[in-house]
Amino acid sequence: MTPGVYEQLVPTLRREAMPLSKLHALAVEGGSTWSVEQLHLMLACLDGIEITAAGGDDPLVNLGQRSQQEELAEAMVDVVRAQGRPVPAAQIMQLLPGKFTTSVEQLKKLARETSGLKVIGPGLIGLDN
């Protein structure tokens, strides 16, 4: 399983819980050569992934509760991606959904700690491709 294939599966799991067999089919479609058992083992080892017996042989896979920092980081990525260029932290703060209360310094700190984001110069936040 490549990181690219895994990154394709995460948005699907964010939308809804999914049977392991269906998730495996999506992974294979994305280029994975892993078996269902290998995928199951990998998912079981990851933090934030919940696997529950769905009353049959096909367990249900979903993302567990995300922390506020994870939600904020995802919202930051969405804002920067929508702008199509690095964005000043102060502008990101204005463009974030109203449920987030944060500061410029917190946004820059989170960008430094989050895979997929980076701080450029004195205060621009961009995507780390």
Protein backbone atom coordinates (compact mmCIF):
# COMPACT_ATOMS: atom_id res chain seq x y z
CA MET A 1 0.00 0.00 0.00
CA THR A 2 1.52 3.28 -1.02
CA PRO A 3 0.90 6.52 0.89
CA GLY A 4 -0.94 7.82 -2.18
CA VAL A 5 -3.46 4.97 -2.12
CA TYR A 6 -3.98 5.42 1.62
CA GLU A 7 -4.53 9.17 1.14
CA GLN A 8 -7.26 8.35 -1.40
CA LEU A 9 -9.07 6.15 1.14
CA VAL A 10 -9.11 8.65 4.02
CA PRO A 11 -11.61 11.12 2.47
CA THR A 12 -13.94 8.20 1.77
CA LEU A 13 -13.80 7.16 5.43
CA ARG A 14 -14.40 10.76 6.52
CA ARG A 15 -17.70 10.75 4.66
CA GLU A 16 -18.96 7.42 5.98
CA ALA A 17 -18.05 4.14 7.64
CA MET A 18 -17.41 1.42 5.10
CA PRO A 19 -17.17 -2.38 5.05
CA LEU A 20 -13.59 -3.62 4.83
CA SER A 21 -14.31 -5.46 1.56
CA LYS A 22 -15.53 -2.28 -0.11
CA LEU A 23 -12.55 -0.30 1.21
CA HIS A 24 -10.25 -3.03 -0.12
CA ALA A 25 -11.91 -2.81 -3.55
CA LEU A 26 -11.26 0.96 -3.58
CA ALA A 27 -7.63 0.38 -2.60
CA VAL A 28 -7.17 -2.16 -5.41
CA GLU A 29 -8.82 0.27 -7.81
CA GLY A 30 -6.28 2.87 -6.67
CA GLY A 31 -3.36 0.55 -7.44
CA SER A 32 -2.82 -1.42 -4.23
CA THR A 33 -1.75 -5.05 -4.49
CA TRP A 34 -2.47 -5.78 -0.83
CA SER A 35 -4.83 -8.53 0.26
CA VAL A 36 -7.87 -7.85 2.44
CA GLU A 37 -6.00 -9.36 5.39
CA GLN A 38 -3.00 -7.06 4.89
CA LEU A 39 -5.25 -4.00 4.67
CA HIS A 40 -7.12 -5.10 7.79
CA LEU A 41 -3.87 -5.51 9.74
CA MET A 42 -2.56 -2.10 8.66
CA LEU A 43 -5.82 -0.35 9.57
CA ALA A 44 -5.92 -2.11 12.94
CA CYS A 45 -2.45 -0.72 13.73
CA LEU A 46 -3.28 2.91 12.90
CA ASP A 47 -4.41 5.44 15.49
CA GLY A 48 -7.75 7.01 14.70
CA ILE A 49 -9.13 4.06 12.73
CA GLU A 50 -11.90 2.00 14.29
CA ILE A 51 -12.78 -1.48 13.07
CA THR A 52 -15.96 -3.06 14.40
CA ALA A 53 -17.64 -6.37 13.69
CA ALA A 54 -20.71 -5.64 11.60
CA GLY A 55 -22.54 -8.86 12.40
CA GLY A 56 -20.80 -10.83 9.67
CA ASP A 57 -17.41 -11.60 8.23
CA ASP A 58 -16.99 -8.09 6.83
CA PRO A 59 -15.92 -5.64 9.56
CA LEU A 60 -16.93 -1.99 9.40
CA VAL A 61 -14.11 0.57 9.15
CA ASN A 62 -14.44 4.20 10.16
CA LEU A 63 -12.40 7.10 11.40
CA GLY A 64 -12.58 7.65 15.13
CA GLN A 65 -13.17 11.02 16.70
CA ARG A 66 -10.65 13.57 15.55
CA SER A 67 -9.06 16.04 17.91
CA GLN A 68 -9.72 19.75 17.57
CA GLN A 69 -6.15 20.19 16.32
CA GLU A 70 -6.72 17.59 13.59
CA GLU A 71 -9.92 19.33 12.53
CA LEU A 72 -8.19 22.73 12.52
CA ALA A 73 -5.27 21.37 10.48
CA GLU A 74 -7.67 19.90 7.93
CA ALA A 75 -9.56 23.20 7.72
CA MET A 76 -6.25 25.03 7.19
CA VAL A 77 -5.32 22.68 4.33
CA ASP A 78 -8.75 23.29 2.77
CA VAL A 79 -8.33 27.08 2.99
CA VAL A 80 -4.82 27.07 1.50
CA ARG A 81 -5.87 24.64 -1.24
CA ALA A 82 -8.88 26.81 -2.11
CA GLN A 83 -6.67 29.90 -2.40
CA GLY A 84 -4.26 28.04 -4.68
CA ARG A 85 -1.20 29.69 -3.16
CA PRO A 86 0.50 30.26 0.21
CA VAL A 87 -1.70 32.41 2.45
CA PRO A 88 -0.84 34.71 5.36
CA ALA A 89 -1.79 33.12 8.69
CA ALA A 90 -3.97 36.14 9.55
CA GLN A 91 -5.97 35.65 6.36
CA ILE A 92 -6.39 31.93 7.07
CA MET A 93 -7.79 32.88 10.46
CA GLN A 94 -10.45 35.02 8.73
CA LEU A 95 -11.31 32.29 6.20
CA LEU A 96 -11.67 29.44 8.71
CA PRO A 97 -15.16 28.26 9.67
CA GLY A 98 -16.58 30.12 12.67
CA LYS A 99 -16.30 27.13 14.99
CA PHE A 100 -12.52 27.66 15.30
CA THR A 101 -11.05 30.09 17.80
CA THR A 102 -7.33 30.43 17.23
CA SER A 103 -4.40 32.80 16.83
CA VAL A 104 -1.82 33.51 14.16
CA GLU A 105 0.89 31.91 16.32
CA GLN A 106 -1.19 28.77 16.87
CA LEU A 107 -1.80 28.44 13.12
CA LYS A 108 1.92 28.77 12.35
CA LYS A 109 2.82 26.24 15.08
CA LEU A 110 0.23 23.77 13.78
CA ALA A 111 1.47 24.26 10.20
CA ARG A 112 5.01 23.37 11.32
CA GLU A 113 3.74 20.20 13.04
CA THR A 114 1.30 19.04 10.36
CA SER A 115 2.24 16.87 7.43
CA GLY A 116 1.07 18.60 4.26
CA LEU A 117 1.55 22.15 5.55
CA LYS A 118 4.59 24.39 5.89
CA VAL A 119 5.41 27.89 7.07
CA ILE A 120 7.08 30.05 4.44
CA GLY A 121 9.02 33.10 5.51
CA PRO A 122 7.64 35.18 8.34
CA GLY A 123 4.04 34.06 8.19
CA LEU A 124 2.79 32.50 4.98
CA ILE A 125 1.32 29.03 5.22
CA GLY A 126 1.46 26.82 2.17
CA LEU A 127 0.98 23.23 1.14
CA ASP A 128 3.98 20.95 1.56
CA ASN A 129 3.90 18.93 -1.64
